[in-house]
Protein backbone atom coordinates (compact mmCIF):
# COMPACT_ATOMS: atom_id res chain seq x y z
CA UNK A 1 6.37 -25.22 -23.75
CA UNK A 2 2.98 -27.90 -23.83
CA UNK A 3 4.43 -30.07 -21.49
CA UNK A 4 5.44 -26.85 -18.96
CA UNK A 5 1.99 -25.95 -19.46
CA UNK A 6 0.49 -29.15 -18.38
CA UNK A 7 2.77 -29.35 -15.43
CA UNK A 8 1.49 -25.26 -14.43
CA UNK A 9 -2.34 -26.92 -14.63
CA UNK A 10 -0.97 -30.59 -12.80
CA UNK A 11 0.54 -27.60 -10.28
CA UNK A 12 -2.45 -25.32 -9.76
CA UNK A 13 -4.91 -28.48 -9.41
CA UNK A 14 -3.04 -30.47 -6.52
CA UNK A 15 -3.13 -26.85 -5.27
CA UNK A 16 -6.41 -26.15 -5.27
CA UNK A 17 -7.61 -28.95 -3.71
CA UNK A 18 -6.27 -27.13 -0.27
CA UNK A 19 -9.19 -25.17 0.72
CA UNK A 20 -10.48 -23.44 -2.30
CA UNK A 21 -12.38 -21.70 -0.01
CA UNK A 22 -9.93 -18.93 1.82
CA UNK A 23 -7.73 -18.90 -1.24
CA UNK A 24 -7.54 -17.83 -5.01
CA UNK A 25 -4.52 -18.76 -7.81
CA UNK A 26 -3.19 -16.19 -10.35
CA UNK A 27 -1.14 -17.43 -12.86
CA UNK A 28 0.38 -15.78 -15.67
CA UNK A 29 3.47 -15.49 -18.10
CA UNK A 30 5.99 -12.28 -18.79
CA UNK A 31 6.79 -11.83 -21.84
CA UNK A 32 8.41 -8.94 -23.95
CA UNK A 33 5.90 -6.72 -25.79
CA UNK A 34 7.39 -6.52 -29.13
CA UNK A 35 9.20 -9.86 -29.86
CA UNK A 36 7.34 -12.07 -27.24
CA UNK A 37 9.75 -13.68 -25.95
CA UNK A 38 9.86 -14.69 -22.44
CA UNK A 39 11.35 -12.85 -19.41
CA UNK A 40 12.50 -15.45 -16.66
CA UNK A 41 13.32 -13.69 -13.42
CA UNK A 42 10.85 -11.19 -13.41
CA UNK A 43 9.91 -10.11 -10.40
CA UNK A 44 5.84 -10.68 -9.25
CA UNK A 45 4.25 -9.78 -5.82
CA UNK A 46 1.01 -8.54 -4.81
CA UNK A 47 2.22 -4.69 -3.38
CA UNK A 48 1.20 -4.35 0.41
CA UNK A 49 1.66 -8.10 1.20
CA UNK A 50 4.22 -10.68 2.00
CA UNK A 51 3.17 -12.77 -1.66
CA UNK A 52 5.62 -12.56 -4.08
CA UNK A 53 7.63 -14.73 -6.79
CA UNK A 54 9.41 -14.56 -9.95
CA UNK A 55 9.30 -15.66 -13.10
CA UNK A 56 10.87 -19.10 -14.07
CA UNK A 57 12.50 -20.36 -17.09
CA UNK A 58 9.41 -20.02 -19.49
CA UNK A 59 8.26 -16.96 -18.41
CA UNK A 60 5.45 -18.53 -16.24
CA UNK A 61 4.33 -17.55 -12.50
CA UNK A 62 2.01 -18.46 -10.00
CA UNK A 63 0.58 -16.67 -6.72
CA UNK A 64 -1.72 -18.27 -3.80
CA UNK A 65 -3.04 -15.25 -2.07
CA UNK A 66 -6.51 -14.55 0.22
CA UNK A 67 -9.21 -13.57 -0.58
CA UNK A 68 -10.09 -10.33 -1.68
CA UNK A 69 -8.14 -7.49 -3.97
CA UNK A 70 -4.75 -6.76 -4.71
CA UNK A 71 -2.53 -4.81 -7.07
CA UNK A 72 -0.27 -7.37 -8.61
CA UNK A 73 3.06 -5.85 -9.13
CA UNK A 74 5.36 -6.55 -12.41
CA UNK A 75 8.92 -5.60 -12.72
CA UNK A 76 11.96 -6.19 -14.39
CA UNK A 77 15.18 -4.72 -15.16
CA UNK A 78 14.87 -2.08 -18.15
CA UNK A 79 11.04 -2.15 -18.74
CA UNK A 80 8.48 0.01 -17.14
CA UNK A 81 6.56 -1.33 -14.42
CA UNK A 82 2.69 -3.07 -14.67
CA UNK A 83 0.57 -2.76 -12.03
CA UNK A 84 -2.95 -5.03 -12.33
CA UNK A 85 -5.63 -4.91 -10.02
CA UNK A 86 -6.87 -8.72 -9.32
CA UNK A 87 -9.53 -9.85 -6.78
CA UNK A 88 -11.12 -13.24 -5.80
CA UNK A 89 -14.28 -11.47 -6.88
CA UNK A 90 -13.88 -11.81 -10.54
CA UNK A 91 -15.33 -14.87 -12.16
CA UNK A 92 -12.51 -16.35 -13.90
CA UNK A 93 -9.35 -16.11 -13.08
CA UNK A 94 -7.57 -16.65 -16.46
CA UNK A 95 -3.68 -16.93 -17.18
CA UNK A 96 -2.61 -13.43 -17.71
CA UNK A 97 -0.48 -12.73 -20.07
CA UNK A 98 1.85 -9.80 -19.31
CA UNK A 99 3.72 -8.28 -21.81
CA UNK A 100 6.38 -5.88 -20.78
CA UNK A 101 7.18 -2.99 -22.52
CA UNK A 102 11.11 -1.51 -23.05
CA UNK A 103 12.15 1.92 -21.21
CA UNK A 104 12.26 4.96 -23.03
CA UNK A 105 16.48 5.13 -21.99
CA UNK A 106 16.81 8.58 -24.02
CA UNK A 107 14.03 10.01 -21.72
CA UNK A 108 16.01 8.88 -18.81
CA UNK A 109 19.23 10.30 -20.26
CA UNK A 110 17.34 13.94 -20.62
CA UNK A 111 15.99 13.90 -16.76
CA UNK A 112 19.43 12.71 -15.53
CA UNK A 113 21.06 15.62 -17.73
CA UNK A 114 18.53 18.33 -17.26
CA UNK A 115 17.47 17.52 -13.29
CA UNK A 116 18.90 19.14 -9.79
CA UNK A 117 20.43 16.06 -8.43
CA UNK A 118 22.09 17.16 -4.76
CA UNK A 119 25.53 15.43 -4.63
CA UNK A 120 25.22 15.31 -1.42
CA UNK A 121 21.14 14.82 -1.03
CA UNK A 122 21.19 12.62 1.92
CA UNK A 123 23.53 14.99 4.37
CA UNK A 124 20.98 17.59 3.78
CA UNK A 125 17.37 15.90 3.07
CA UNK A 126 17.70 12.28 5.04
CA UNK A 127 16.33 12.99 8.12
CA UNK A 128 12.98 15.38 6.18
CA UNK A 129 12.97 11.84 4.10
CA UNK A 130 13.07 9.79 7.06
CA UNK A 131 10.40 11.91 8.57
CA UNK A 132 7.81 12.02 6.13
CA UNK A 133 8.34 8.64 4.45
CA UNK A 134 8.68 6.55 7.33
CA UNK A 135 7.24 8.71 9.80
CA UNK A 136 8.18 10.09 13.58
CA UNK A 137 6.30 7.21 15.69
CA UNK A 138 7.81 5.50 17.92
CA UNK A 139 7.75 2.69 15.58
CA UNK A 140 9.74 4.68 12.91
CA UNK A 141 12.52 5.35 14.90
CA UNK A 142 13.21 1.31 14.91
CA UNK A 143 12.71 1.53 11.15
CA UNK A 144 16.57 1.61 9.39
CA UNK A 145 17.26 1.92 5.62
CA UNK A 146 19.79 -0.71 4.41
CA UNK A 147 20.26 0.96 1.27
CA UNK A 148 20.38 4.76 1.58
CA UNK A 149 23.02 4.89 -1.47
CA UNK A 150 20.42 3.92 -4.12
CA UNK A 151 18.33 6.93 -3.06
CA UNK A 152 19.08 10.60 -5.04
CA UNK A 153 17.62 13.69 -4.07
CA UNK A 154 16.85 16.52 -6.57
CA UNK A 155 15.93 20.03 -5.81
CA UNK A 156 13.76 22.46 -7.62
CA UNK A 157 14.54 25.64 -6.86
CA UNK A 158 12.05 27.68 -9.11
CA UNK A 159 9.33 25.01 -7.95
CA UNK A 160 10.56 25.17 -4.25
CA UNK A 161 9.91 21.30 -4.55
CA UNK A 162 11.66 18.27 -3.42
CA UNK A 163 11.80 14.88 -5.13
CA UNK A 164 12.95 11.88 -4.69
CA UNK A 165 13.76 8.80 -6.51
CA UNK A 166 15.39 5.35 -5.77
CA UNK A 167 17.59 3.35 -8.51
CA UNK A 168 16.81 0.08 -6.57
CA UNK A 169 14.26 -1.32 -4.12
CA UNK A 170 14.31 0.57 -0.52
CA UNK A 171 15.19 -1.89 1.95
CA UNK A 172 13.18 -1.26 5.20
CA UNK A 173 14.19 -2.86 8.54
CA UNK A 174 10.93 -2.04 10.76
CA UNK A 175 12.89 -3.78 14.30
CA UNK A 176 9.10 -2.39 16.11
CA UNK A 177 6.59 -4.52 13.60
CA UNK A 178 8.99 -7.44 12.68
CA UNK A 179 9.17 -7.08 8.84
CA UNK A 180 11.56 -6.56 6.18
CA UNK A 181 9.85 -4.24 3.45
CA UNK A 182 11.13 -4.08 0.10
CA UNK A 183 9.94 -0.78 -1.11
CA UNK A 184 9.90 0.15 -5.10
CA UNK A 185 9.88 3.93 -4.78
CA UNK A 186 8.02 5.18 -7.57
CA UNK A 187 8.50 8.95 -6.45
CA UNK A 188 8.47 11.00 -3.65
CA UNK A 189 7.61 14.99 -3.63
CA UNK A 190 7.66 17.59 -1.32
CA UNK A 191 6.36 20.90 -2.03
CA UNK A 192 7.64 23.84 0.36
CA UNK A 193 5.07 26.26 -0.61
CA UNK A 194 2.20 24.43 0.21
CA UNK A 195 3.91 21.93 3.21
CA UNK A 196 2.83 18.98 1.24
CA UNK A 197 4.45 15.56 0.79
CA UNK A 198 2.94 12.66 -0.88
CA UNK A 199 4.78 9.54 -2.56
CA UNK A 200 3.78 6.59 -4.40
CA UNK A 201 5.33 2.86 -4.87
CA UNK A 202 5.16 -0.82 -3.94
CA UNK A 203 6.10 -2.28 -0.96
CA UNK A 204 6.63 -6.48 -0.34
CA UNK A 205 7.11 -7.72 3.15
CA UNK A 206 8.82 -10.33 4.98
CA UNK A 207 8.56 -11.64 8.11
CA UNK A 208 11.64 -11.39 10.30
CA UNK A 209 12.84 -14.57 12.24
CA UNK A 210 12.67 -13.87 15.82
CA UNK A 211 13.19 -15.14 18.77
CA UNK A 212 10.03 -16.45 20.61
CA UNK A 213 9.88 -13.16 23.00
CA UNK A 214 10.98 -10.96 19.42
CA UNK A 215 7.74 -12.98 18.22
CA UNK A 216 5.37 -11.84 20.82
CA UNK A 217 6.48 -8.24 20.74
CA UNK A 218 5.70 -8.19 16.85
CA UNK A 219 2.74 -9.52 17.49
CA UNK A 220 1.62 -7.22 19.86
CA UNK A 221 2.90 -3.88 18.52
CA UNK A 222 1.31 -4.96 15.37
CA UNK A 223 -2.18 -5.27 16.49
CA UNK A 224 -1.64 -1.96 17.59
CA UNK A 225 -0.72 -0.59 14.60
CA UNK A 226 -3.84 -2.04 13.09
CA UNK A 227 -6.69 -0.92 15.38
CA UNK A 228 -7.96 1.95 13.83
CA UNK A 229 -5.72 2.58 10.56
CA UNK A 230 -7.30 2.57 7.60
CA UNK A 231 -7.42 -1.20 6.96
CA UNK A 232 -8.85 -1.75 9.90
CA UNK A 233 -11.87 0.70 8.86
CA UNK A 234 -12.16 -0.20 5.44
CA UNK A 235 -12.47 -3.91 6.67
CA UNK A 236 -15.22 -2.81 8.96
CA UNK A 237 -17.37 -1.20 6.94
CA UNK A 238 -17.04 -4.26 4.44
CA UNK A 239 -17.88 -6.47 7.55
CA UNK A 240 -20.88 -4.12 8.25
CA UNK A 241 -19.03 -3.22 12.21
CA UNK A 242 -18.45 -0.28 12.05
CA UNK A 243 -19.99 0.77 15.10
CA UNK A 244 -18.70 -2.46 17.09
CA UNK A 245 -14.85 -1.94 15.82
CA UNK A 246 -15.35 1.68 17.12
CA UNK A 247 -15.36 3.74 13.78
CA UNK A 248 -17.80 6.62 13.75
CA UNK A 249 -18.43 8.36 10.15
CA UNK A 250 -19.46 11.35 9.50
CA UNK A 251 -20.39 13.54 6.21
CA UNK A 252 -18.67 17.18 6.18
CA UNK A 253 -19.86 20.25 4.88
CA UNK A 254 -16.82 21.45 3.02
CA UNK A 255 -15.40 23.86 2.75
CA UNK A 256 -16.31 24.33 6.51
CA UNK A 257 -15.81 21.00 7.17
CA UNK A 258 -15.76 21.21 10.97
CA UNK A 259 -19.59 20.81 10.71
CA UNK A 260 -20.34 17.15 10.32
CA UNK A 261 -24.18 15.22 10.03
CA UNK A 262 -23.46 11.52 11.08
CA UNK A 263 -23.99 8.98 9.04
CA UNK A 264 -26.62 6.92 11.09
CA UNK A 265 -27.03 3.79 9.32
CA UNK A 266 -23.45 3.50 6.56
CA UNK A 267 -25.41 0.38 5.27
CA UNK A 268 -28.23 2.10 3.81
CA UNK A 269 -29.22 0.45 0.25
CA UNK A 270 -28.48 4.24 -1.29
CA UNK A 271 -24.82 4.08 0.42
CA UNK A 272 -23.40 0.60 0.80
CA UNK A 273 -24.28 -2.53 -1.89
CA UNK A 274 -23.08 -5.80 -2.77
CA UNK A 275 -21.65 -7.43 -5.93
CA UNK A 276 -20.35 -10.53 -6.37
CA UNK A 277 -17.98 -10.36 -3.02
CA UNK A 278 -17.59 -6.64 -3.88
CA UNK A 279 -18.97 -3.42 -1.94
CA UNK A 280 -19.56 -0.19 -3.28
CA UNK A 281 -19.56 2.47 -1.20
CA UNK A 282 -21.43 5.69 -2.69
CA UNK A 283 -20.20 8.17 -1.30
CA UNK A 284 -18.77 11.63 -3.10
CA UNK A 285 -17.38 14.28 -0.96
CA UNK A 286 -15.55 14.03 2.35
CA UNK A 287 -16.02 12.29 5.66
CA UNK A 288 -14.73 12.37 8.65
CA UNK A 289 -13.62 9.08 10.38
CA UNK A 290 -13.44 8.95 14.56
CA UNK A 291 -12.02 6.08 16.22
CA UNK A 292 -12.62 5.71 19.70
CA UNK A 293 -10.72 2.38 20.66
CA UNK A 294 -7.37 4.04 21.14
CA UNK A 295 -6.31 7.04 22.27
CA UNK A 296 -4.04 9.56 19.72
CA UNK A 297 -0.98 9.11 20.33
CA UNK A 298 1.01 12.03 22.20
CA UNK A 299 3.37 13.09 19.79
CA UNK A 300 1.10 13.70 17.09
CA UNK A 301 -0.89 15.73 19.49
CA UNK A 302 2.05 17.79 20.27
CA UNK A 303 3.29 17.95 16.45
CA UNK A 304 -0.51 19.32 15.67
CA UNK A 305 -1.04 21.66 18.66
CA UNK A 306 -3.62 19.58 19.91
CA UNK A 307 -5.15 19.23 23.24
CA UNK A 308 -3.04 16.72 24.77
CA UNK A 309 -6.36 14.94 26.66
CA UNK A 310 -7.84 13.89 23.45
CA UNK A 311 -9.04 10.84 23.98
CA UNK A 312 -10.16 9.59 19.89
CA UNK A 313 -8.54 9.54 16.77
CA UNK A 314 -9.63 11.56 13.93
CA UNK A 315 -8.83 11.26 10.31
CA UNK A 316 -11.14 11.80 6.86
CA UNK A 317 -11.00 10.80 3.39
CA UNK A 318 -11.65 13.02 0.75
CA UNK A 319 -13.43 11.19 -1.99
CA UNK A 320 -14.53 12.33 -5.68
CA UNK A 321 -16.91 9.74 -6.97
CA UNK A 322 -17.51 6.49 -4.65
CA UNK A 323 -15.09 3.82 -3.83
CA UNK A 324 -15.35 -0.43 -3.58
CA UNK A 325 -13.88 -2.41 -1.09
CA UNK A 326 -13.14 -6.11 -1.15
CA UNK A 327 -12.89 -8.51 1.80
CA UNK A 328 -9.01 -8.01 2.82
CA UNK A 329 -9.84 -4.25 2.76
CA UNK A 330 -8.36 -3.45 0.02
CA UNK A 331 -9.94 -0.54 -1.57
CA UNK A 332 -10.20 0.94 -5.77
CA UNK A 333 -9.24 3.93 -7.03
CA UNK A 334 -7.01 4.12 -4.02
CA UNK A 335 -5.08 7.17 -6.23
CA UNK A 336 -8.57 9.06 -6.18
CA UNK A 337 -8.67 9.51 -2.46
CA UNK A 338 -6.57 11.95 -0.35
CA UNK A 339 -6.16 10.69 3.40
CA UNK A 340 -5.97 13.44 5.91
CA UNK A 341 -5.84 13.88 9.70
CA UNK A 342 -4.37 11.16 12.15
CA UNK A 343 -3.92 8.63 8.82
CA UNK A 344 -1.28 10.64 7.07
CA UNK A 345 0.90 11.07 9.66
CA UNK A 346 0.73 7.46 10.23
CA UNK A 347 3.66 6.06 7.97
CA UNK A 348 5.09 3.36 6.53
CA UNK A 349 6.60 2.30 10.17
CA UNK A 350 2.70 1.26 10.78
CA UNK A 351 1.95 0.04 7.60
CA UNK A 352 0.87 -3.92 8.03
CA UNK A 353 0.19 -6.18 5.04
CA UNK A 354 -3.34 -7.06 3.77
CA UNK A 355 -2.58 -10.51 4.60
CA UNK A 356 -2.30 -9.44 7.58
CA UNK A 357 -4.38 -11.32 10.53
CA UNK A 358 -5.16 -10.07 14.06
CA UNK A 359 -6.60 -12.94 15.01
């Protein structure tokens, strides 16, 4: 064991000789919570990035990450998936000891027995799932799911809800942006009564290999998907460049959400503060975000019965208790913040990873 740890340290020292300024390193060990046995071959990746690996025979792993924040996802067959927040703004990057907890198989058996599994689920709900998960944009039309057979559909008649689960990661090929996405779907739920759908999961991106012409097209399409996106907005607020980048922020008087007050100085010390490389935004309630750099997609306007001559993209965020932004545009707590408007319409087909660099 000592020799393995020494080797790992040697690797880290040699790696950190490269550009410490732009990167940081996460290293750890994956083991069984009860027995302490190491788990080799565990999947370790930062969700919504192109960075991932597997633990070696000693359960060890190393990841090199660009400056910013990430959700580190650790999964292993038969164990509960763990998600940890990691950041370059942390003062010390200690070795992480990941103790994995075995899944309760009895709960899974009860869920299957008492489920409302739809036998021909894809034929009944497949297109609906694609529209609300992949999207209905032009880019979505160029996305395919390679392993539809791993997806199960459950319809609960009394609650009038559709739930979608996947036995394995969903493999999505996005020919518009040049990505292969391995998506670990936690759950997808649609409430037909409220017409609200939501999904959670952990995507890992891989760059597709293409011709020079394809690479050029992907670069253009990625930039179009990025500008005006929530990621672009968060990076701009972090960098104090909202106006320069084409964004305007208003606070809204809920429930009368049409009446807003322009946030003249979104970097006022009462709102915006910096702590060890992390920007804290002290705003509660709903804000409206208008992006002036690109007109909204015509299909979005048609589907929502908006004027076809609209010149700006309008989104909104419900913020219960402020949030924090890291250098790469990652923010937390994401699960507590609700998207509305244009950002809600742009789904998986428009997603670019946190390590995307428009330059």
